[in-house]
Amino acid sequence: MHTDSASLARQVEFVFRQLEGELTNATAGTVLIHIRNNAVGKFGIRHHPIESKNGKFEVEDKGLSSLQVQAFKQMAIESLKFRKEWTHGEILYDFSVRPSSNSWSASILFESNYNMANWNSRFYPKRNDLWDNNRQSHE
């Protein structure tokens, strides 16, 4: 794990502590973490849709227990070992609970983002540089 990732691991731990109340008893969803410059910029949960039939909400199945939320948090931190050489992007942790067996599963999606604006100066000279070059050639 990179030294940057150690700091990111502490941030992911913080995120899961903040979301613990929402995660406890949640049956399925996605934890989203947006990263910019190796720092968490924003985070949250997309809960899977709440269904209703004939205008009445269905009784929810049993969701994540407190112990399962702790295990989920640990898995999220451990997954950072698979993140390679990117500083901007998103991490998505999809999770679901199987009520029949009282087990849960999760999958992790890493998305790296790059911004061409940071590299444009390498490909195109700045306007001032063009002006200076033209002026020098006419002198």
C-alpha atoms as a PDB file:
ATOM      1  CA  MET A   1       0.000   0.000   0.000  1.00  0.00           C
ATOM      2  CA  HIS A   2       1.349   3.471  -0.851  1.00  0.00           C
ATOM      3  CA  THR A   3       1.947   5.987   1.926  1.00  0.00           C
ATOM      4  CA  ASP A   4      -0.879   8.012   0.366  1.00  0.00           C
ATOM      5  CA  SER A   5      -3.113   4.978   0.679  1.00  0.00           C
ATOM      6  CA  ALA A   6      -2.468   4.763   4.423  1.00  0.00           C
ATOM      7  CA  SER A   7      -3.955   8.228   4.776  1.00  0.00           C
ATOM      8  CA  LEU A   8      -6.768   7.254   2.439  1.00  0.00           C
ATOM      9  CA  ALA A   9      -7.397   4.171   4.609  1.00  0.00           C
ATOM     10  CA  ARG A  10      -7.967   6.421   7.623  1.00  0.00           C
ATOM     11  CA  GLN A  11     -10.335   8.517   5.543  1.00  0.00           C
ATOM     12  CA  VAL A  12     -12.287   5.431   4.390  1.00  0.00           C
ATOM     13  CA  GLU A  13     -12.514   4.320   8.015  1.00  0.00           C
ATOM     14  CA  PHE A  14     -13.920   7.772   8.882  1.00  0.00           C
ATOM     15  CA  VAL A  15     -16.449   7.505   6.017  1.00  0.00           C
ATOM     16  CA  PHE A  16     -17.730   4.167   7.279  1.00  0.00           C
ATOM     17  CA  ARG A  17     -17.988   5.493  10.850  1.00  0.00           C
ATOM     18  CA  GLN A  18     -20.099   8.381   9.552  1.00  0.00           C
ATOM     19  CA  LEU A  19     -22.330   6.048   7.525  1.00  0.00           C
ATOM     20  CA  GLU A  20     -22.671   3.354  10.202  1.00  0.00           C
ATOM     21  CA  GLY A  21     -26.192   4.432  11.174  1.00  0.00           C
ATOM     22  CA  GLU A  22     -27.375   4.306   7.564  1.00  0.00           C
ATOM     23  CA  LEU A  23     -25.637   1.007   6.863  1.00  0.00           C
ATOM     24  CA  THR A  24     -27.043  -0.766   9.915  1.00  0.00           C
ATOM     25  CA  ASN A  25     -30.224  -2.553   8.793  1.00  0.00           C
ATOM     26  CA  ALA A  26     -29.713  -1.547   5.139  1.00  0.00           C
ATOM     27  CA  THR A  27     -30.521  -4.485   2.871  1.00  0.00           C
ATOM     28  CA  ALA A  28     -28.682  -3.364  -0.282  1.00  0.00           C
ATOM     29  CA  GLY A  29     -27.047  -0.361  -1.838  1.00  0.00           C
ATOM     30  CA  THR A  30     -23.830   1.308  -2.903  1.00  0.00           C
ATOM     31  CA  VAL A  31     -21.364   3.263  -0.791  1.00  0.00           C
ATOM     32  CA  LEU A  32     -19.799   5.972  -2.980  1.00  0.00           C
ATOM     33  CA  ILE A  33     -16.507   7.669  -2.211  1.00  0.00           C
ATOM     34  CA  HIS A  34     -15.230  10.434  -4.504  1.00  0.00           C
ATOM     35  CA  ILE A  35     -11.466  11.007  -4.345  1.00  0.00           C
ATOM     36  CA  ARG A  36      -9.500  14.040  -5.485  1.00  0.00           C
ATOM     37  CA  ASN A  37      -5.755  14.388  -4.842  1.00  0.00           C
ATOM     38  CA  ASN A  38      -5.812  11.244  -2.685  1.00  0.00           C
ATOM     39  CA  ALA A  39      -8.392  12.802  -0.366  1.00  0.00           C
ATOM     40  CA  VAL A  40     -12.059  11.979   0.090  1.00  0.00           C
ATOM     41  CA  GLY A  41     -14.062  14.832  -1.372  1.00  0.00           C
ATOM     42  CA  LYS A  42     -17.567  13.531  -0.885  1.00  0.00           C
ATOM     43  CA  PHE A  43     -19.217  10.301   0.115  1.00  0.00           C
ATOM     44  CA  GLY A  44     -22.642   8.782   0.618  1.00  0.00           C
ATOM     45  CA  ILE A  45     -24.924   5.820   0.098  1.00  0.00           C
ATOM     46  CA  ARG A  46     -27.288   4.991  -2.743  1.00  0.00           C
ATOM     47  CA  HIS A  47     -29.932   2.829  -1.163  1.00  0.00           C
ATOM     48  CA  HIS A  48     -31.546   0.374  -3.500  1.00  0.00           C
ATOM     49  CA  PRO A  49     -35.117   1.321  -4.314  1.00  0.00           C
ATOM     50  CA  ILE A  50     -37.774   0.987  -1.654  1.00  0.00           C
ATOM     51  CA  GLU A  51     -40.623  -0.908  -3.220  1.00  0.00           C
ATOM     52  CA  SER A  52     -44.317  -0.589  -2.604  1.00  0.00           C
ATOM     53  CA  LYS A  53     -47.283  -2.623  -3.761  1.00  0.00           C
ATOM     54  CA  ASN A  54     -50.756  -1.140  -4.064  1.00  0.00           C
ATOM     55  CA  GLY A  55     -49.511   2.041  -2.416  1.00  0.00           C
ATOM     56  CA  LYS A  56     -48.178   0.251   0.667  1.00  0.00           C
ATOM     57  CA  PHE A  57     -44.558  -0.237   1.560  1.00  0.00           C
ATOM     58  CA  GLU A  58     -43.323  -3.767   1.924  1.00  0.00           C
ATOM     59  CA  VAL A  59     -41.886  -4.788   5.261  1.00  0.00           C
ATOM     60  CA  GLU A  60     -38.122  -4.662   4.802  1.00  0.00           C
ATOM     61  CA  ASP A  61     -36.051  -7.758   5.206  1.00  0.00           C
ATOM     62  CA  LYS A  62     -33.406  -7.779   7.890  1.00  0.00           C
ATOM     63  CA  GLY A  63     -30.331  -5.826   6.763  1.00  0.00           C
ATOM     64  CA  LEU A  64     -26.722  -5.511   7.878  1.00  0.00           C
ATOM     65  CA  SER A  65     -26.030  -6.113  11.563  1.00  0.00           C
ATOM     66  CA  SER A  66     -23.554  -3.978  13.507  1.00  0.00           C
ATOM     67  CA  LEU A  67     -20.956  -6.756  13.239  1.00  0.00           C
ATOM     68  CA  GLN A  68     -21.504  -7.022   9.479  1.00  0.00           C
ATOM     69  CA  VAL A  69     -21.079  -3.234   9.125  1.00  0.00           C
ATOM     70  CA  GLN A  70     -17.738  -3.501  10.958  1.00  0.00           C
ATOM     71  CA  ALA A  71     -16.652  -6.345   8.659  1.00  0.00           C
ATOM     72  CA  PHE A  72     -17.775  -4.283   5.642  1.00  0.00           C
ATOM     73  CA  LYS A  73     -15.666  -1.339   6.855  1.00  0.00           C
ATOM     74  CA  GLN A  74     -12.616  -3.583   7.273  1.00  0.00           C
ATOM     75  CA  MET A  75     -13.123  -5.076   3.810  1.00  0.00           C
ATOM     76  CA  ALA A  76     -13.368  -1.556   2.326  1.00  0.00           C
ATOM     77  CA  ILE A  77     -10.079  -0.543   3.945  1.00  0.00           C
ATOM     78  CA  GLU A  78      -8.338  -3.752   2.841  1.00  0.00           C
ATOM     79  CA  SER A  79      -9.562  -3.257  -0.733  1.00  0.00           C
ATOM     80  CA  LEU A  80      -7.422  -0.115  -1.046  1.00  0.00           C
ATOM     81  CA  LYS A  81      -4.448  -2.438  -1.593  1.00  0.00           C
ATOM     82  CA  PHE A  82      -5.819  -3.030  -5.098  1.00  0.00           C
ATOM     83  CA  ARG A  83      -5.866   0.680  -6.019  1.00  0.00           C
ATOM     84  CA  LYS A  84      -2.891   1.467  -8.244  1.00  0.00           C
ATOM     85  CA  GLU A  85      -1.255   4.799  -9.069  1.00  0.00           C
ATOM     86  CA  TRP A  86      -4.242   7.093  -9.350  1.00  0.00           C
ATOM     87  CA  THR A  87      -5.188  10.084  -7.234  1.00  0.00           C
ATOM     88  CA  HIS A  88      -8.571  11.139  -8.671  1.00  0.00           C
ATOM     89  CA  GLY A  89     -11.650   8.969  -9.083  1.00  0.00           C
ATOM     90  CA  GLU A  90     -14.366   7.035  -7.310  1.00  0.00           C
ATOM     91  CA  ILE A  91     -14.664   3.902  -5.257  1.00  0.00           C
ATOM     92  CA  LEU A  92     -18.020   2.142  -5.273  1.00  0.00           C
ATOM     93  CA  TYR A  93     -18.826  -0.604  -2.773  1.00  0.00           C
ATOM     94  CA  ASP A  94     -21.992  -2.489  -3.799  1.00  0.00           C
ATOM     95  CA  PHE A  95     -23.473  -4.580  -1.020  1.00  0.00           C
ATOM     96  CA  SER A  96     -26.490  -6.774  -0.384  1.00  0.00           C
ATOM     97  CA  VAL A  97     -27.821  -8.963   2.399  1.00  0.00           C
ATOM     98  CA  ARG A  98     -29.291 -12.389   1.755  1.00  0.00           C
ATOM     99  CA  PRO A  99     -32.001 -12.636   4.374  1.00  0.00           C
ATOM    100  CA  SER A 100     -32.508 -16.376   3.986  1.00  0.00           C
ATOM    101  CA  SER A 101     -28.935 -17.159   5.059  1.00  0.00           C
ATOM    102  CA  ASN A 102     -28.238 -13.950   7.029  1.00  0.00           C
ATOM    103  CA  SER A 103     -25.074 -13.483   4.946  1.00  0.00           C
ATOM    104  CA  TRP A 104     -23.933 -10.477   2.984  1.00  0.00           C
ATOM    105  CA  SER A 105     -21.762  -9.846  -0.042  1.00  0.00           C
ATOM    106  CA  ALA A 106     -20.014  -6.862  -1.541  1.00  0.00           C
ATOM    107  CA  SER A 107     -18.175  -5.958  -4.706  1.00  0.00           C
ATOM    108  CA  ILE A 108     -15.740  -3.124  -5.247  1.00  0.00           C
ATOM    109  CA  LEU A 109     -15.394  -0.917  -8.309  1.00  0.00           C
ATOM    110  CA  PHE A 110     -12.466   1.479  -8.703  1.00  0.00           C
ATOM    111  CA  GLU A 111     -12.760   4.266 -11.255  1.00  0.00           C
ATOM    112  CA  SER A 112      -9.773   6.473 -11.999  1.00  0.00           C
ATOM    113  CA  ASN A 113     -10.349   9.926 -13.499  1.00  0.00           C
ATOM    114  CA  TYR A 114      -7.877  12.057 -15.431  1.00  0.00           C
ATOM    115  CA  ASN A 115      -8.307  15.652 -16.580  1.00  0.00           C
ATOM    116  CA  MET A 116      -6.766  16.680 -19.907  1.00  0.00           C
ATOM    117  CA  ALA A 117      -6.705  20.315 -18.787  1.00  0.00           C
ATOM    118  CA  ASN A 118      -3.736  19.409 -16.616  1.00  0.00           C
ATOM    119  CA  TRP A 119      -1.819  18.099 -19.637  1.00  0.00           C
ATOM    120  CA  ASN A 120      -2.874  20.531 -22.379  1.00  0.00           C
ATOM    121  CA  SER A 121       0.166  22.740 -21.812  1.00  0.00           C
ATOM    122  CA  ARG A 122       2.335  19.808 -22.892  1.00  0.00           C
ATOM    123  CA  PHE A 123       0.554  19.529 -26.233  1.00  0.00           C
ATOM    124  CA  TYR A 124      -0.370  23.121 -27.045  1.00  0.00           C
ATOM    125  CA  PRO A 125       1.739  26.211 -26.411  1.00  0.00           C
ATOM    126  CA  LYS A 126       0.143  28.977 -24.367  1.00  0.00           C
ATOM    127  CA  ARG A 127      -1.128  32.057 -26.237  1.00  0.00           C
ATOM    128  CA  ASN A 128       1.556  34.259 -24.674  1.00  0.00           C
ATOM    129  CA  ASP A 129       4.232  31.840 -25.883  1.00  0.00           C
ATOM    130  CA  LEU A 130       2.874  32.075 -29.441  1.00  0.00           C
ATOM    131  CA  TRP A 131       2.842  35.898 -29.226  1.00  0.00           C
ATOM    132  CA  ASP A 132       6.424  35.987 -27.928  1.00  0.00           C
ATOM    133  CA  ASN A 133       7.637  33.606 -30.660  1.00  0.00           C
ATOM    134  CA  ASN A 134       5.950  35.654 -33.432  1.00  0.00           C
ATOM    135  CA  ARG A 135       7.305  38.924 -32.064  1.00  0.00           C
ATOM    136  CA  GLN A 136      10.842  37.568 -31.832  1.00  0.00           C
ATOM    137  CA  SER A 137      10.794  36.230 -35.397  1.00  0.00           C
ATOM    138  CA  HIS A 138       9.774  39.658 -36.755  1.00  0.00           C
ATOM    139  CA  GLU A 139      12.485  41.564 -34.903  1.00  0.00           C
END
